[in-house]
Amino acid sequence: MLKLRLFIGVTLAFLCAASAGAQPRAFLQWGTPSGLDNKLNINRVPVVDAAGVIRYYDVALAFNVDSAGKLTLNSTAAKIAASPSLTVGAFRPGIYRGGAFTCEHVVGAPGVVGGGRISGSIAESNCSRTFNASWVSGPIAGHPNEGALKAAGITFQGYSWGVLGEVSDSWQDTGWDRGDLIGVVQSGQQLIIHNFGNDNKEDTSAVFTFCSSCD
C-alpha cells in the first residue's frame, strides 16, 4: 500500500557521508517533529561539527499570529537543548502503552543472538488489533537483516534493526505493513520504533511508554 510520508529527507547514507566532511550543518529533516497550536518541537536533530562528530539536539520553536493572520517566529521563546542519550540494545521488558492506539503491549525479555547481539520483541496483549515486531542489536555488518538493510540503502548504526510482523488493518491505515524495516531504541521509559518501510526514508514512528502499574 502507499506509505504515509511525513517528510522528505536526505538518505542515511548521505548523513553518514556528511559526518566525515568538514562542513558543520544540522539535518532538521532527520529529527522527529510534533506540533500543537503555535508551538513546534523537533526532537533528536542530528548536528555534525567540523570534526565529523554527530550530536543530537531537541529544538522547540514558538510562533506568533497577529490580527491579520500573519505568522512570525517568536525568537525569544525558542529553545535548543541536547537530546537525552538513547540506549541501543538495552531494552526494558514489561508492559507498555502507546503507539497508534491505547492498547497494552508486551516487550519480551531480551534474548542473546550471538556475536554480542541482543534480540527484542513487542506484541499487543489486550486488543482486537494485531501488532508485533522483532529486532536485533549490533552493527549492520553481520546483522540477520543485513541483506534487506543494504538493499534499502540503510547505513545508520544508531538503531537496533528489525522487521515488522503481523499488523491489523487499523495499523496499516496509519502507515505500517508486514515486513517493513524498523529501527528501535529505548529512551528511559520509552521504546521508540521508527518505520522505514523498504527504503532509507522514515515513513512514520510510534512511541510506547513503560507502564509501572497498568490496571
Protein backbone atom coordinates (compact mmCIF):
# COMPACT_ATOMS: atom_id res chain seq x y z
CA MET A 1 0.00 0.00 0.00
CA LEU A 2 1.00 3.60 -0.42
CA LYS A 3 3.17 4.59 2.52
CA LEU A 4 2.42 7.57 4.70
CA ARG A 5 5.22 10.07 4.16
CA LEU A 6 5.68 12.57 6.95
CA PHE A 7 8.58 14.38 5.31
CA ILE A 8 11.15 14.12 2.54
CA GLY A 9 14.73 13.78 3.75
CA VAL A 10 18.21 13.02 2.62
CA THR A 11 19.26 9.40 2.76
CA LEU A 12 21.01 7.96 5.78
CA ALA A 13 23.97 7.21 3.55
CA PHE A 14 24.26 10.91 2.79
CA LEU A 15 24.09 11.69 6.50
CA CYS A 16 26.92 9.27 7.24
CA ALA A 17 28.98 10.68 4.38
CA ALA A 18 28.43 14.20 5.71
CA SER A 19 29.74 13.14 9.11
CA ALA A 20 33.17 12.63 7.55
CA GLY A 21 33.16 16.07 5.89
CA ALA A 22 34.29 19.42 7.26
CA GLN A 23 31.09 21.39 6.75
CA PRO A 24 29.17 21.80 10.03
CA ARG A 25 25.43 21.53 9.49
CA ALA A 26 22.14 20.41 11.00
CA PHE A 27 19.85 17.77 9.49
CA LEU A 28 16.44 19.01 10.60
CA GLN A 29 14.74 16.59 8.22
CA TRP A 30 16.02 13.68 10.33
CA GLY A 31 14.53 14.99 13.56
CA THR A 32 11.12 13.91 14.85
CA PRO A 33 8.60 16.78 14.50
CA SER A 34 5.49 17.36 16.61
CA GLY A 35 3.33 20.46 16.76
CA LEU A 36 0.47 21.88 18.81
CA ASP A 37 -1.20 25.27 18.28
CA ASN A 38 1.61 27.85 17.93
CA LYS A 39 4.42 25.54 19.00
CA LEU A 40 6.67 23.19 17.02
CA ASN A 41 9.07 20.68 18.57
CA ILE A 42 11.74 18.81 16.59
CA ASN A 43 13.43 16.14 18.68
CA ARG A 44 16.79 14.46 18.07
CA VAL A 45 18.05 16.73 15.30
CA PRO A 46 21.47 15.41 14.13
CA VAL A 47 24.15 18.12 14.02
CA VAL A 48 27.58 17.47 12.51
CA ASP A 49 30.57 19.52 13.65
CA ALA A 50 33.76 20.30 11.71
CA ALA A 51 35.42 17.13 13.05
CA GLY A 52 32.58 14.95 11.74
CA VAL A 53 31.15 14.23 15.22
CA ILE A 54 27.34 13.88 15.32
CA ARG A 55 25.41 15.31 18.26
CA TYR A 56 21.65 15.39 18.78
CA TYR A 57 19.51 18.32 19.89
CA ASP A 58 15.87 18.92 20.81
CA VAL A 59 14.53 22.12 19.26
CA ALA A 60 11.40 23.97 20.49
CA LEU A 61 10.01 26.82 18.39
CA ALA A 62 7.11 29.16 19.18
CA PHE A 63 5.22 31.38 16.73
CA ASN A 64 3.04 34.48 16.97
CA VAL A 65 -0.07 35.17 14.89
CA ASP A 66 -1.24 38.80 14.57
CA SER A 67 -4.77 40.07 13.97
CA ALA A 68 -4.26 39.80 10.19
CA GLY A 69 -3.24 36.15 10.48
CA LYS A 70 0.44 36.80 9.79
CA LEU A 71 2.72 34.11 11.22
CA THR A 72 6.06 35.16 12.74
CA LEU A 73 8.70 33.35 14.74
CA ASN A 74 8.90 34.19 18.45
CA SER A 75 12.67 34.03 18.70
CA THR A 76 12.74 34.82 22.43
CA ALA A 77 10.77 31.62 23.14
CA ALA A 78 12.99 29.33 21.03
CA LYS A 79 14.83 26.66 23.00
CA ILE A 80 17.62 24.27 21.99
CA ALA A 81 18.86 21.58 24.32
CA ALA A 82 21.00 18.46 24.00
CA SER A 83 18.85 15.37 23.45
CA PRO A 84 18.78 12.71 26.17
CA SER A 85 21.04 9.77 25.46
CA LEU A 86 19.40 6.76 23.81
CA THR A 87 20.35 3.24 24.74
CA VAL A 88 20.50 0.85 21.80
CA GLY A 89 20.28 -2.82 22.67
CA ALA A 90 19.29 -2.39 26.34
CA PHE A 91 15.54 -2.92 26.17
CA ARG A 92 13.35 -2.98 29.25
CA PRO A 93 10.88 -5.88 29.28
CA GLY A 94 7.34 -5.39 30.56
CA ILE A 95 4.03 -3.81 29.63
CA TYR A 96 3.92 -0.62 27.58
CA ARG A 97 1.14 1.65 26.41
CA GLY A 98 1.12 3.89 23.36
CA GLY A 99 1.64 3.58 19.64
CA ALA A 100 -1.22 4.47 17.33
CA PHE A 101 -3.80 3.21 19.84
CA THR A 102 -4.21 2.89 23.62
CA CYS A 103 -3.69 -0.88 23.81
CA GLU A 104 -1.19 -2.54 26.09
CA HIS A 105 1.90 -4.07 24.51
CA VAL A 106 4.29 -6.62 25.93
CA VAL A 107 8.03 -6.20 25.35
CA GLY A 108 9.66 -9.57 25.91
CA ALA A 109 12.82 -10.24 27.87
CA PRO A 110 15.93 -9.60 25.73
CA GLY A 111 17.43 -12.67 24.09
CA VAL A 112 21.04 -13.43 23.21
CA VAL A 113 21.53 -13.95 19.47
CA GLY A 114 25.30 -14.43 19.46
CA GLY A 115 28.20 -12.23 18.49
CA GLY A 116 27.28 -9.82 21.28
CA ARG A 117 23.85 -9.13 19.75
CA ILE A 118 20.62 -8.83 21.74
CA SER A 119 17.16 -9.56 20.33
CA GLY A 120 13.90 -7.90 21.35
CA SER A 121 10.22 -8.11 20.53
CA ILE A 122 6.89 -6.37 21.10
CA ALA A 123 3.29 -7.55 20.70
CA GLU A 124 -0.15 -6.19 21.57
CA SER A 125 -1.61 -8.08 24.51
CA ASN A 126 -5.19 -6.98 25.16
CA CYS A 127 -6.61 -5.71 21.89
CA SER A 128 -8.67 -6.94 18.99
CA ARG A 129 -5.95 -5.33 16.85
CA THR A 130 -2.67 -7.02 15.93
CA PHE A 131 0.82 -5.51 16.10
CA ASN A 132 4.07 -7.35 16.62
CA ALA A 133 7.68 -6.77 15.69
CA SER A 134 11.16 -8.08 16.48
CA TRP A 135 14.65 -6.66 16.23
CA VAL A 136 18.34 -7.40 16.83
CA SER A 137 21.03 -5.05 18.13
CA GLY A 138 24.53 -4.54 16.79
CA PRO A 139 26.15 -3.27 13.59
CA ILE A 140 24.56 -3.78 10.18
CA ALA A 141 27.51 -5.89 9.02
CA GLY A 142 26.60 -9.41 10.05
CA HIS A 143 23.09 -8.43 11.16
CA PRO A 144 20.38 -11.06 10.47
CA ASN A 145 18.64 -8.46 8.27
CA GLU A 146 21.84 -7.21 6.64
CA GLY A 147 20.70 -8.04 3.10
CA ALA A 148 17.40 -6.20 3.41
CA LEU A 149 19.03 -3.21 5.13
CA LYS A 150 21.68 -2.88 2.42
CA ALA A 151 19.06 -3.26 -0.33
CA ALA A 152 17.10 -0.42 1.28
CA GLY A 153 20.22 1.78 1.38
CA ILE A 154 20.25 1.95 5.20
CA THR A 155 23.67 2.59 6.75
CA PHE A 156 22.76 4.27 10.05
CA GLN A 157 24.20 2.35 13.03
CA GLY A 158 22.26 4.14 15.79
CA TYR A 159 19.26 1.78 15.91
CA SER A 160 18.63 -1.86 16.61
CA TRP A 161 17.16 -3.04 13.31
CA GLY A 162 14.35 -5.49 12.72
CA VAL A 163 11.18 -6.28 10.84
CA LEU A 164 7.51 -5.62 11.46
CA GLY A 165 5.41 -8.76 11.84
CA GLU A 166 1.64 -9.12 11.68
CA VAL A 167 -0.37 -5.89 11.78
CA SER A 168 -4.12 -5.37 11.60
CA ASP A 169 -5.89 -3.11 9.11
CA SER A 170 -6.13 -0.25 11.61
CA TRP A 171 -2.33 -0.15 11.90
CA GLN A 172 -1.94 -0.42 8.13
CA ASP A 173 -4.14 2.65 7.78
CA THR A 174 -1.55 4.63 9.75
CA GLY A 175 1.38 3.54 7.57
CA TRP A 176 2.54 0.17 8.98
CA ASP A 177 2.80 -3.01 6.88
CA ARG A 178 4.08 -6.54 7.44
CA GLY A 179 7.76 -6.82 6.51
CA ASP A 180 8.56 -3.11 6.98
CA LEU A 181 12.10 -2.44 8.18
CA ILE A 182 12.16 -0.84 11.64
CA GLY A 183 14.80 0.84 13.79
CA VAL A 184 14.28 0.59 17.56
CA VAL A 185 15.72 2.48 20.55
CA GLN A 186 15.00 2.60 24.29
CA SER A 187 14.99 6.09 25.82
CA GLY A 188 14.35 5.83 29.55
CA GLN A 189 10.74 4.68 29.98
CA GLN A 190 10.01 4.93 26.27
CA LEU A 191 10.51 2.41 23.47
CA ILE A 192 10.61 4.16 20.09
CA ILE A 193 10.03 2.30 16.82
CA HIS A 194 10.96 4.06 13.57
CA ASN A 195 9.35 2.58 10.45
CA PHE A 196 11.40 2.78 7.24
CA GLY A 197 9.27 0.56 5.02
CA ASN A 198 11.60 -0.77 2.30
CA ASP A 199 13.93 2.21 1.81
CA ASN A 200 16.07 4.58 3.89
CA LYS A 201 13.48 7.31 4.47
CA GLU A 202 11.47 7.12 7.67
CA ASP A 203 7.74 6.73 6.97
CA THR A 204 6.34 7.01 10.47
CA SER A 205 7.16 6.18 14.08
CA ALA A 206 5.49 5.06 17.29
CA VAL A 207 6.33 5.72 20.94
CA PHE A 208 5.47 3.18 23.65
CA THR A 209 5.75 4.14 27.34
CA PHE A 210 6.57 1.64 30.09
CA CYS A 211 3.63 1.06 32.40
CA SER A 212 4.73 0.50 36.00
CA SER A 213 1.20 -0.08 37.33
CA CYS A 214 -1.17 -0.90 34.47
CA ASP A 215 -4.76 -1.53 35.51
